[in-house]
Amino acid sequence: MRQTEIHTAEPIVPEPTAFEFELAIEELSRQKSPGSDEIQRELTKVVNNKIHYGIHKLIISIWNKEELPEVWKEPIILPIYKKSNKTGCSNYRGISLLQTT
């Protein structure tokens, strides 16, 4: 039997393992503002393994579908004052609050 080689433009990347997921949770920085999901990063770090398992399953599902939920694509953009006159638009910079998950 002859094997057929498949050539793709993108390398096949394996889905994130539970170990990689736990490492990512540990590396989340604290005291950051949440996105529209209003989930604090601190909460994500301290919840039990059942919730981590559920979040990991969700991420695997998204990974396999190769499409983010629409709400994850929409940041909350806040203006942050930089300097000088507070009435000038150029004296502000924007920051984006994204979903913690």
PDB file of N, CA and C in Angstrom:
ATOM      1  N   MET A   1       0.842  -1.168   0.000  1.00  0.00           N
ATOM      2  CA  MET A   1       0.000   0.000   0.000  1.00  0.00           C
ATOM      3  C   MET A   1       0.893   1.238   0.000  1.00  0.00           C
ATOM      4  N   ARG A   2       0.547   2.206  -0.775  1.00  0.00           N
ATOM      5  CA  ARG A   2       1.327   3.414  -0.926  1.00  0.00           C
ATOM      6  C   ARG A   2       0.798   4.523  -0.013  1.00  0.00           C
ATOM      7  N   GLN A   3       1.696   5.169   0.710  1.00  0.00           N
ATOM      8  CA  GLN A   3       1.282   6.260   1.591  1.00  0.00           C
ATOM      9  C   GLN A   3       1.345   7.582   0.840  1.00  0.00           C
ATOM     10  N   THR A   4       0.377   8.433   1.124  1.00  0.00           N
ATOM     11  CA  THR A   4       0.332   9.743   0.497  1.00  0.00           C
ATOM     12  C   THR A   4       0.815  10.784   1.489  1.00  0.00           C
ATOM     13  N   GLU A   5       1.714  11.628   1.048  1.00  0.00           N
ATOM     14  CA  GLU A   5       2.187  12.715   1.901  1.00  0.00           C
ATOM     15  C   GLU A   5       1.236  13.891   1.769  1.00  0.00           C
ATOM     16  N   ILE A   6       0.972  14.508   2.908  1.00  0.00           N
ATOM     17  CA  ILE A   6       0.120  15.694   2.912  1.00  0.00           C
ATOM     18  C   ILE A   6       0.995  16.902   3.187  1.00  0.00           C
ATOM     19  N   HIS A   7       0.939  17.869   2.305  1.00  0.00           N
ATOM     20  CA  HIS A   7       1.711  19.102   2.470  1.00  0.00           C
ATOM     21  C   HIS A   7       0.745  20.243   2.763  1.00  0.00           C
ATOM     22  N   THR A   8       0.973  20.911   3.869  1.00  0.00           N
ATOM     23  CA  THR A   8       0.133  22.053   4.211  1.00  0.00           C
ATOM     24  C   THR A   8       1.014  23.281   4.395  1.00  0.00           C
ATOM     25  N   ALA A   9       0.395  24.447   4.301  1.00  0.00           N
ATOM     26  CA  ALA A   9       1.127  25.688   4.472  1.00  0.00           C
ATOM     27  C   ALA A   9       1.456  25.941   5.933  1.00  0.00           C
ATOM     28  N   GLU A  10       0.651  25.386   6.831  1.00  0.00           N
ATOM     29  CA  GLU A  10       0.846  25.606   8.260  1.00  0.00           C
ATOM     30  C   GLU A  10       1.280  24.313   8.938  1.00  0.00           C
ATOM     31  N   PRO A  11       2.199  24.426   9.886  1.00  0.00           N
ATOM     32  CA  PRO A  11       2.590  23.210  10.618  1.00  0.00           C
ATOM     33  C   PRO A  11       1.443  22.764  11.532  1.00  0.00           C
ATOM     34  N   ILE A  12       1.364  21.483  11.762  1.00  0.00           N
ATOM     35  CA  ILE A  12       0.351  20.959  12.676  1.00  0.00           C
ATOM     36  C   ILE A  12       0.860  21.162  14.094  1.00  0.00           C
ATOM     37  N   VAL A  13       0.094  21.903  14.879  1.00  0.00           N
ATOM     38  CA  VAL A  13       0.473  22.215  16.249  1.00  0.00           C
ATOM     39  C   VAL A  13      -0.484  21.463  17.163  1.00  0.00           C
ATOM     40  N   PRO A  14       0.046  20.657  18.076  1.00  0.00           N
ATOM     41  CA  PRO A  14      -0.843  19.894  18.954  1.00  0.00           C
ATOM     42  C   PRO A  14      -1.615  20.809  19.904  1.00  0.00           C
ATOM     43  N   GLU A  15      -2.800  20.360  20.298  1.00  0.00           N
ATOM     44  CA  GLU A  15      -3.606  21.167  21.218  1.00  0.00           C
ATOM     45  C   GLU A  15      -2.906  21.295  22.564  1.00  0.00           C
ATOM     46  N   PRO A  16      -3.189  22.377  23.297  1.00  0.00           N
ATOM     47  CA  PRO A  16      -2.520  22.607  24.586  1.00  0.00           C
ATOM     48  C   PRO A  16      -2.842  21.498  25.589  1.00  0.00           C
ATOM     49  N   THR A  17      -1.829  21.024  26.262  1.00  0.00           N
ATOM     50  CA  THR A  17      -2.026  19.975  27.264  1.00  0.00           C
ATOM     51  C   THR A  17      -2.519  20.592  28.571  1.00  0.00           C
ATOM     52  N   ALA A  18      -3.010  19.746  29.469  1.00  0.00           N
ATOM     53  CA  ALA A  18      -3.449  20.212  30.791  1.00  0.00           C
ATOM     54  C   ALA A  18      -2.267  20.840  31.535  1.00  0.00           C
ATOM     55  N   PHE A  19      -1.081  20.271  31.375  1.00  0.00           N
ATOM     56  CA  PHE A  19       0.113  20.812  32.023  1.00  0.00           C
ATOM     57  C   PHE A  19       0.413  22.222  31.514  1.00  0.00           C
ATOM     58  N   GLU A  20       0.366  22.418  30.190  1.00  0.00           N
ATOM     59  CA  GLU A  20       0.606  23.744  29.617  1.00  0.00           C
ATOM     60  C   GLU A  20      -0.451  24.743  30.087  1.00  0.00           C
ATOM     61  N   PHE A  21      -1.681  24.275  30.180  1.00  0.00           N
ATOM     62  CA  PHE A  21      -2.766  25.132  30.664  1.00  0.00           C
ATOM     63  C   PHE A  21      -2.499  25.580  32.099  1.00  0.00           C
ATOM     64  N   GLU A  22      -2.113  24.652  32.963  1.00  0.00           N
ATOM     65  CA  GLU A  22      -1.819  24.996  34.362  1.00  0.00           C
ATOM     66  C   GLU A  22      -0.643  25.964  34.455  1.00  0.00           C
ATOM     67  N   LEU A  23       0.371  25.783  33.615  1.00  0.00           N
ATOM     68  CA  LEU A  23       1.500  26.724  33.593  1.00  0.00           C
ATOM     69  C   LEU A  23       1.033  28.126  33.197  1.00  0.00           C
ATOM     70  N   ALA A  24       0.163  28.195  32.210  1.00  0.00           N
ATOM     71  CA  ALA A  24      -0.348  29.491  31.773  1.00  0.00           C
ATOM     72  C   ALA A  24      -1.148  30.164  32.890  1.00  0.00           C
ATOM     73  N   ILE A  25      -1.933  29.400  33.629  1.00  0.00           N
ATOM     74  CA  ILE A  25      -2.705  29.944  34.756  1.00  0.00           C
ATOM     75  C   ILE A  25      -1.744  30.504  35.806  1.00  0.00           C
ATOM     76  N   GLU A  26      -0.692  29.749  36.119  1.00  0.00           N
ATOM     77  CA  GLU A  26       0.287  30.201  37.114  1.00  0.00           C
ATOM     78  C   GLU A  26       0.972  31.494  36.694  1.00  0.00           C
ATOM     79  N   GLU A  27       1.169  31.697  35.397  1.00  0.00           N
ATOM     80  CA  GLU A  27       1.884  32.861  34.901  1.00  0.00           C
ATOM     81  C   GLU A  27       1.001  34.096  34.735  1.00  0.00           C
ATOM     82  N   LEU A  28      -0.304  33.964  34.971  1.00  0.00           N
ATOM     83  CA  LEU A  28      -1.180  35.136  34.873  1.00  0.00           C
ATOM     84  C   LEU A  28      -0.752  36.184  35.886  1.00  0.00           C
ATOM     85  N   SER A  29      -0.627  37.408  35.427  1.00  0.00           N
ATOM     86  CA  SER A  29      -0.276  38.478  36.357  1.00  0.00           C
ATOM     87  C   SER A  29      -1.506  38.859  37.173  1.00  0.00           C
ATOM     88  N   ARG A  30      -1.254  39.321  38.378  1.00  0.00           N
ATOM     89  CA  ARG A  30      -2.342  39.691  39.284  1.00  0.00           C
ATOM     90  C   ARG A  30      -2.670  41.168  39.157  1.00  0.00           C
ATOM     91  N   GLN A  31      -3.782  41.529  39.732  1.00  0.00           N
ATOM     92  CA  GLN A  31      -4.222  42.915  39.843  1.00  0.00           C
ATOM     93  C   GLN A  31      -4.339  43.599  38.482  1.00  0.00           C
ATOM     94  N   LYS A  32      -4.906  42.901  37.536  1.00  0.00           N
ATOM     95  CA  LYS A  32      -5.204  43.480  36.229  1.00  0.00           C
ATOM     96  C   LYS A  32      -6.722  43.566  36.103  1.00  0.00           C
ATOM     97  N   SER A  33      -7.191  44.571  35.403  1.00  0.00           N
ATOM     98  CA  SER A  33      -8.623  44.746  35.223  1.00  0.00           C
ATOM     99  C   SER A  33      -9.171  43.666  34.291  1.00  0.00           C
ATOM    100  N   PRO A  34     -10.370  43.169  34.585  1.00  0.00           N
ATOM    101  CA  PRO A  34     -10.960  42.140  33.738  1.00  0.00           C
ATOM    102  C   PRO A  34     -11.598  42.739  32.490  1.00  0.00           C
ATOM    103  N   GLY A  35     -11.881  41.898  31.525  1.00  0.00           N
ATOM    104  CA  GLY A  35     -12.609  42.319  30.332  1.00  0.00           C
ATOM    105  C   GLY A  35     -14.102  42.275  30.607  1.00  0.00           C
ATOM    106  N   SER A  36     -14.886  42.146  29.542  1.00  0.00           N
ATOM    107  CA  SER A  36     -16.341  42.173  29.697  1.00  0.00           C
ATOM    108  C   SER A  36     -16.879  40.945  30.423  1.00  0.00           C
ATOM    109  N   ASP A  37     -16.077  39.875  30.537  1.00  0.00           N
ATOM    110  CA  ASP A  37     -16.524  38.705  31.289  1.00  0.00           C
ATOM    111  C   ASP A  37     -16.497  38.954  32.797  1.00  0.00           C
ATOM    112  N   GLU A  38     -15.800  40.027  33.216  1.00  0.00           N
ATOM    113  CA  GLU A  38     -15.680  40.433  34.618  1.00  0.00           C
ATOM    114  C   GLU A  38     -15.071  39.348  35.519  1.00  0.00           C
ATOM    115  N   ILE A  39     -14.295  38.454  34.928  1.00  0.00           N
ATOM    116  CA  ILE A  39     -13.612  37.411  35.702  1.00  0.00           C
ATOM    117  C   ILE A  39     -12.239  37.944  36.101  1.00  0.00           C
ATOM    118  N   GLN A  40     -12.018  38.080  37.393  1.00  0.00           N
ATOM    119  CA  GLN A  40     -10.736  38.549  37.894  1.00  0.00           C
ATOM    120  C   GLN A  40      -9.680  37.455  37.700  1.00  0.00           C
ATOM    121  N   ARG A  41      -8.478  37.837  37.340  1.00  0.00           N
ATOM    122  CA  ARG A  41      -7.399  36.856  37.156  1.00  0.00           C
ATOM    123  C   ARG A  41      -7.095  36.113  38.445  1.00  0.00           C
ATOM    124  N   GLU A  42      -7.205  36.827  39.570  1.00  0.00           N
ATOM    125  CA  GLU A  42      -6.942  36.186  40.856  1.00  0.00           C
ATOM    126  C   GLU A  42      -7.898  35.022  41.076  1.00  0.00           C
ATOM    127  N   LEU A  43      -9.160  35.199  40.656  1.00  0.00           N
ATOM    128  CA  LEU A  43     -10.159  34.139  40.810  1.00  0.00           C
ATOM    129  C   LEU A  43      -9.788  32.927  39.964  1.00  0.00           C
ATOM    130  N   THR A  44      -9.331  33.176  38.757  1.00  0.00           N
ATOM    131  CA  THR A  44      -8.935  32.085  37.859  1.00  0.00           C
ATOM    132  C   THR A  44      -7.809  31.258  38.471  1.00  0.00           C
ATOM    133  N   LYS A  45      -6.932  31.915  39.227  1.00  0.00           N
ATOM    134  CA  LYS A  45      -5.788  31.211  39.808  1.00  0.00           C
ATOM    135  C   LYS A  45      -6.165  30.346  41.010  1.00  0.00           C
ATOM    136  N   VAL A  46      -7.207  30.728  41.757  1.00  0.00           N
ATOM    137  CA  VAL A  46      -7.477  30.042  43.019  1.00  0.00           C
ATOM    138  C   VAL A  46      -8.640  29.060  42.969  1.00  0.00           C
ATOM    139  N   VAL A  47      -9.379  28.990  41.864  1.00  0.00           N
ATOM    140  CA  VAL A  47     -10.510  28.062  41.800  1.00  0.00           C
ATOM    141  C   VAL A  47     -10.023  26.623  41.765  1.00  0.00           C
ATOM    142  N   ASN A  48     -10.946  25.697  42.008  1.00  0.00           N
ATOM    143  CA  ASN A  48     -10.552  24.288  42.090  1.00  0.00           C
ATOM    144  C   ASN A  48     -10.286  23.657  40.720  1.00  0.00           C
ATOM    145  N   ASN A  49      -9.797  22.435  40.751  1.00  0.00           N
ATOM    146  CA  ASN A  49      -9.403  21.738  39.527  1.00  0.00           C
ATOM    147  C   ASN A  49     -10.576  21.454  38.602  1.00  0.00           C
ATOM    148  N   LYS A  50     -11.794  21.298  39.140  1.00  0.00           N
ATOM    149  CA  LYS A  50     -12.954  21.046  38.279  1.00  0.00           C
ATOM    150  C   LYS A  50     -13.188  22.230  37.347  1.00  0.00           C
ATOM    151  N   ILE A  51     -13.021  23.427  37.864  1.00  0.00           N
ATOM    152  CA  ILE A  51     -13.216  24.614  37.025  1.00  0.00           C
ATOM    153  C   ILE A  51     -12.074  24.738  36.022  1.00  0.00           C
ATOM    154  N   HIS A  52     -10.848  24.465  36.460  1.00  0.00           N
ATOM    155  CA  HIS A  52      -9.714  24.471  35.517  1.00  0.00           C
ATOM    156  C   HIS A  52      -9.946  23.444  34.414  1.00  0.00           C
ATOM    157  N   TYR A  53     -10.455  22.262  34.772  1.00  0.00           N
ATOM    158  CA  TYR A  53     -10.732  21.222  33.784  1.00  0.00           C
ATOM    159  C   TYR A  53     -11.766  21.722  32.765  1.00  0.00           C
ATOM    160  N   GLY A  54     -12.806  22.393  33.260  1.00  0.00           N
ATOM    161  CA  GLY A  54     -13.842  22.917  32.372  1.00  0.00           C
ATOM    162  C   GLY A  54     -13.311  23.984  31.429  1.00  0.00           C
ATOM    163  N   ILE A  55     -12.484  24.883  31.951  1.00  0.00           N
ATOM    164  CA  ILE A  55     -11.894  25.935  31.110  1.00  0.00           C
ATOM    165  C   ILE A  55     -10.964  25.307  30.075  1.00  0.00           C
ATOM    166  N   HIS A  56     -10.186  24.306  30.499  1.00  0.00           N
ATOM    167  CA  HIS A  56      -9.276  23.629  29.562  1.00  0.00           C
ATOM    168  C   HIS A  56     -10.073  22.945  28.450  1.00  0.00           C
ATOM    169  N   LYS A  57     -11.181  22.301  28.789  1.00  0.00           N
ATOM    170  CA  LYS A  57     -12.034  21.666  27.763  1.00  0.00           C
ATOM    171  C   LYS A  57     -12.558  22.711  26.786  1.00  0.00           C
ATOM    172  N   LEU A  58     -12.950  23.879  27.296  1.00  0.00           N
ATOM    173  CA  LEU A  58     -13.438  24.952  26.439  1.00  0.00           C
ATOM    174  C   LEU A  58     -12.337  25.403  25.481  1.00  0.00           C
ATOM    175  N   ILE A  59     -11.128  25.556  26.005  1.00  0.00           N
ATOM    176  CA  ILE A  59     -10.003  25.990  25.162  1.00  0.00           C
ATOM    177  C   ILE A  59      -9.688  24.945  24.089  1.00  0.00           C
ATOM    178  N   ILE A  60      -9.740  23.674  24.452  1.00  0.00           N
ATOM    179  CA  ILE A  60      -9.502  22.605  23.467  1.00  0.00           C
ATOM    180  C   ILE A  60     -10.569  22.643  22.377  1.00  0.00           C
ATOM    181  N   SER A  61     -11.808  22.865  22.762  1.00  0.00           N
ATOM    182  CA  SER A  61     -12.896  22.957  21.786  1.00  0.00           C
ATOM    183  C   SER A  61     -12.659  24.114  20.820  1.00  0.00           C
ATOM    184  N   ILE A  62     -12.289  25.270  21.358  1.00  0.00           N
ATOM    185  CA  ILE A  62     -12.003  26.443  20.526  1.00  0.00           C
ATOM    186  C   ILE A  62     -10.800  26.168  19.632  1.00  0.00           C
ATOM    187  N   TRP A  63      -9.788  25.515  20.185  1.00  0.00           N
ATOM    188  CA  TRP A  63      -8.571  25.168  19.432  1.00  0.00           C
ATOM    189  C   TRP A  63      -8.923  24.311  18.214  1.00  0.00           C
ATOM    190  N   ASN A  64      -9.755  23.301  18.431  1.00  0.00           N
ATOM    191  CA  ASN A  64     -10.105  22.388  17.346  1.00  0.00           C
ATOM    192  C   ASN A  64     -11.010  23.034  16.302  1.00  0.00           C
ATOM    193  N   LYS A  65     -11.875  23.955  16.718  1.00  0.00           N
ATOM    194  CA  LYS A  65     -12.735  24.672  15.765  1.00  0.00           C
ATOM    195  C   LYS A  65     -11.964  25.768  15.026  1.00  0.00           C
ATOM    196  N   GLU A  66     -10.834  26.187  15.634  1.00  0.00           N
ATOM    197  CA  GLU A  66      -9.990  27.248  15.076  1.00  0.00           C
ATOM    198  C   GLU A  66     -10.745  28.556  14.908  1.00  0.00           C
ATOM    199  N   GLU A  67     -11.620  28.848  15.875  1.00  0.00           N
ATOM    200  CA  GLU A  67     -12.363  30.104  15.830  1.00  0.00           C
ATOM    201  C   GLU A  67     -12.683  30.568  17.241  1.00  0.00           C
ATOM    202  N   LEU A  68     -12.320  31.823  17.543  1.00  0.00           N
ATOM    203  CA  LEU A  68     -12.615  32.399  18.854  1.00  0.00           C
ATOM    204  C   LEU A  68     -14.076  32.808  18.942  1.00  0.00           C
ATOM    205  N   PRO A  69     -14.670  32.724  20.127  1.00  0.00           N
ATOM    206  CA  PRO A  69     -16.006  33.288  20.298  1.00  0.00           C
ATOM    207  C   PRO A  69     -15.966  34.793  20.007  1.00  0.00           C
ATOM    208  N   GLU A  70     -17.015  35.307  19.396  1.00  0.00           N
ATOM    209  CA  GLU A  70     -17.043  36.718  19.006  1.00  0.00           C
ATOM    210  C   GLU A  70     -16.778  37.650  20.186  1.00  0.00           C
ATOM    211  N   VAL A  71     -17.338  37.331  21.351  1.00  0.00           N
ATOM    212  CA  VAL A  71     -17.180  38.210  22.512  1.00  0.00           C
ATOM    213  C   VAL A  71     -15.710  38.311  22.949  1.00  0.00           C
ATOM    214  N   TRP A  72     -14.900  37.292  22.666  1.00  0.00           N
ATOM    215  CA  TRP A  72     -13.483  37.330  23.016  1.00  0.00           C
ATOM    216  C   TRP A  72     -12.701  38.257  22.100  1.00  0.00           C
ATOM    217  N   LYS A  73     -13.273  38.590  20.961  1.00  0.00           N
ATOM    218  CA  LYS A  73     -12.593  39.448  20.000  1.00  0.00           C
ATOM    219  C   LYS A  73     -12.854  40.927  20.269  1.00  0.00           C
ATOM    220  N   GLU A  74     -13.748  41.235  21.179  1.00  0.00           N
ATOM    221  CA  GLU A  74     -14.150  42.616  21.407  1.00  0.00           C
ATOM    222  C   GLU A  74     -13.577  43.144  22.720  1.00  0.00           C
ATOM    223  N   PRO A  75     -12.534  43.979  22.642  1.00  0.00           N
ATOM    224  CA  PRO A  75     -11.964  44.532  23.873  1.00  0.00           C
ATOM    225  C   PRO A  75     -12.788  45.717  24.373  1.00  0.00           C
ATOM    226  N   ILE A  76     -12.627  46.030  25.631  1.00  0.00           N
ATOM    227  CA  ILE A  76     -13.121  47.292  26.166  1.00  0.00           C
ATOM    228  C   ILE A  76     -11.926  48.230  26.097  1.00  0.00           C
ATOM    229  N   ILE A  77     -12.066  49.343  25.397  1.00  0.00           N
ATOM    230  CA  ILE A  77     -10.960  50.278  25.232  1.00  0.00           C
ATOM    231  C   ILE A  77     -11.190  51.473  26.156  1.00  0.00           C
ATOM    232  N   LEU A  78     -10.203  51.729  27.012  1.00  0.00           N
ATOM    233  CA  LEU A  78     -10.278  52.837  27.962  1.00  0.00           C
ATOM    234  C   LEU A  78      -9.199  53.857  27.659  1.00  0.00           C
ATOM    235  N   PRO A  79      -9.555  55.149  27.691  1.00  0.00           N
ATOM    236  CA  PRO A  79      -8.533  56.184  27.510  1.00  0.00           C
ATOM    237  C   PRO A  79      -7.790  56.423  28.822  1.00  0.00           C
ATOM    238  N   ILE A  80      -6.480  56.496  28.751  1.00  0.00           N
ATOM    239  CA  ILE A  80      -5.637  56.769  29.920  1.00  0.00           C
ATOM    240  C   ILE A  80      -4.905  58.086  29.674  1.00  0.00           C
ATOM    241  N   TYR A  81      -5.047  59.005  30.600  1.00  0.00           N
ATOM    242  CA  TYR A  81      -4.414  60.321  30.490  1.00  0.00           C
ATOM    243  C   TYR A  81      -2.893  60.184  30.566  1.00  0.00           C
ATOM    244  N   LYS A  82      -2.177  60.877  29.655  1.00  0.00           N
ATOM    245  CA  LYS A  82      -0.715  60.838  29.623  1.00  0.00           C
ATOM    246  C   LYS A  82      -0.097  62.100  30.204  1.00  0.00           C
ATOM    247  N   LYS A  83      -0.430  63.250  29.633  1.00  0.00           N
ATOM    248  CA  LYS A  83       0.274  64.482  30.001  1.00  0.00           C
ATOM    249  C   LYS A  83      -0.493  65.716  29.540  1.00  0.00           C
ATOM    250  N   SER A  84      -0.041  66.873  29.992  1.00  0.00           N
ATOM    251  CA  SER A  84      -0.454  68.186  29.518  1.00  0.00           C
ATOM    252  C   SER A  84      -1.950  68.453  29.682  1.00  0.00           C
ATOM    253  N   ASN A  85      -2.562  69.023  28.660  1.00  0.00           N
ATOM    254  CA  ASN A  85      -3.950  69.457  28.686  1.00  0.00           C
ATOM    255  C   ASN A  85      -4.906  68.265  28.605  1.00  0.00           C
ATOM    256  N   LYS A  86      -5.789  68.140  29.585  1.00  0.00           N
ATOM    257  CA  LYS A  86      -6.707  66.997  29.618  1.00  0.00           C
ATOM    258  C   LYS A  86      -7.797  67.075  28.553  1.00  0.00           C
ATOM    259  N   THR A  87      -7.929  68.222  27.883  1.00  0.00           N
ATOM    260  CA  THR A  87      -8.963  68.328  26.844  1.00  0.00           C
ATOM    261  C   THR A  87      -8.456  67.907  25.469  1.00  0.00           C
ATOM    262  N   GLY A  88      -7.157  67.706  25.320  1.00  0.00           N
ATOM    263  CA  GLY A  88      -6.593  67.308  24.026  1.00  0.00           C
ATOM    264  C   GLY A  88      -6.591  65.792  23.867  1.00  0.00           C
ATOM    265  N   CYS A  89      -7.180  65.317  22.796  1.00  0.00           N
ATOM    266  CA  CYS A  89      -7.251  63.863  22.549  1.00  0.00           C
ATOM    267  C   CYS A  89      -5.873  63.221  22.447  1.00  0.00           C
ATOM    268  N   SER A  90      -4.895  63.960  21.934  1.00  0.00           N
ATOM    269  CA  SER A  90      -3.562  63.385  21.759  1.00  0.00           C
ATOM    270  C   SER A  90      -2.836  63.198  23.091  1.00  0.00           C
ATOM    271  N   ASN A  91      -3.418  63.675  24.169  1.00  0.00           N
ATOM    272  CA  ASN A  91      -2.806  63.516  25.486  1.00  0.00           C
ATOM    273  C   ASN A  91      -3.317  62.275  26.219  1.00  0.00           C
ATOM    274  N   TYR A  92      -3.941  61.399  25.486  1.00  0.00           N
ATOM    275  CA  TYR A  92      -4.459  60.145  26.043  1.00  0.00           C
ATOM    276  C   TYR A  92      -3.930  58.985  25.220  1.00  0.00           C
ATOM    277  N   ARG A  93      -3.820  57.846  25.845  1.00  0.00           N
ATOM    278  CA  ARG A  93      -3.513  56.610  25.119  1.00  0.00           C
ATOM    279  C   ARG A  93      -4.584  55.608  25.481  1.00  0.00           C
ATOM    280  N   GLY A  94      -4.837  54.688  24.605  1.00  0.00           N
ATOM    281  CA  GLY A  94      -5.870  53.693  24.869  1.00  0.00           C
ATOM    282  C   GLY A  94      -5.274  52.411  25.410  1.00  0.00           C
ATOM    283  N   ILE A  95      -5.985  51.776  26.328  1.00  0.00           N
ATOM    284  CA  ILE A  95      -5.627  50.415  26.738  1.00  0.00           C
ATOM    285  C   ILE A  95      -6.837  49.529  26.457  1.00  0.00           C
ATOM    286  N   SER A  96      -6.572  48.291  26.139  1.00  0.00           N
ATOM    287  CA  SER A  96      -7.631  47.354  25.833  1.00  0.00           C
ATOM    288  C   SER A  96      -7.755  46.329  26.946  1.00  0.00           C
ATOM    289  N   LEU A  97      -8.971  46.169  27.446  1.00  0.00           N
ATOM    290  CA  LEU A  97      -9.251  45.136  28.440  1.00  0.00           C
ATOM    291  C   LEU A  97      -9.823  43.942  27.684  1.00  0.00           C
ATOM    292  N   LEU A  98      -9.129  42.804  27.773  1.00  0.00           N
ATOM    293  CA  LEU A  98      -9.552  41.597  27.089  1.00  0.00           C
ATOM    294  C   LEU A  98     -10.073  40.576  28.075  1.00  0.00           C
ATOM    295  N   GLN A  99     -10.749  39.566  27.550  1.00  0.00           N
ATOM    296  CA  GLN A  99     -11.262  38.490  28.388  1.00  0.00           C
ATOM    297  C   GLN A  99     -10.114  37.779  29.094  1.00  0.00           C
ATOM    298  N   THR A 100     -10.262  37.504  30.371  1.00  0.00           N
ATOM    299  CA  THR A 100      -9.244  36.778  31.107  1.00  0.00           C
ATOM    300  C   THR A 100      -9.093  35.362  30.562  1.00  0.00           C
ATOM    301  N   THR A 101     -10.205  34.717  30.282  1.00  0.00           N
ATOM    302  CA  THR A 101     -10.152  33.343  29.786  1.00  0.00           C
ATOM    303  C   THR A 101      -9.402  33.279  28.489  1.00  0.00           C
TER     304      THR A 101
END
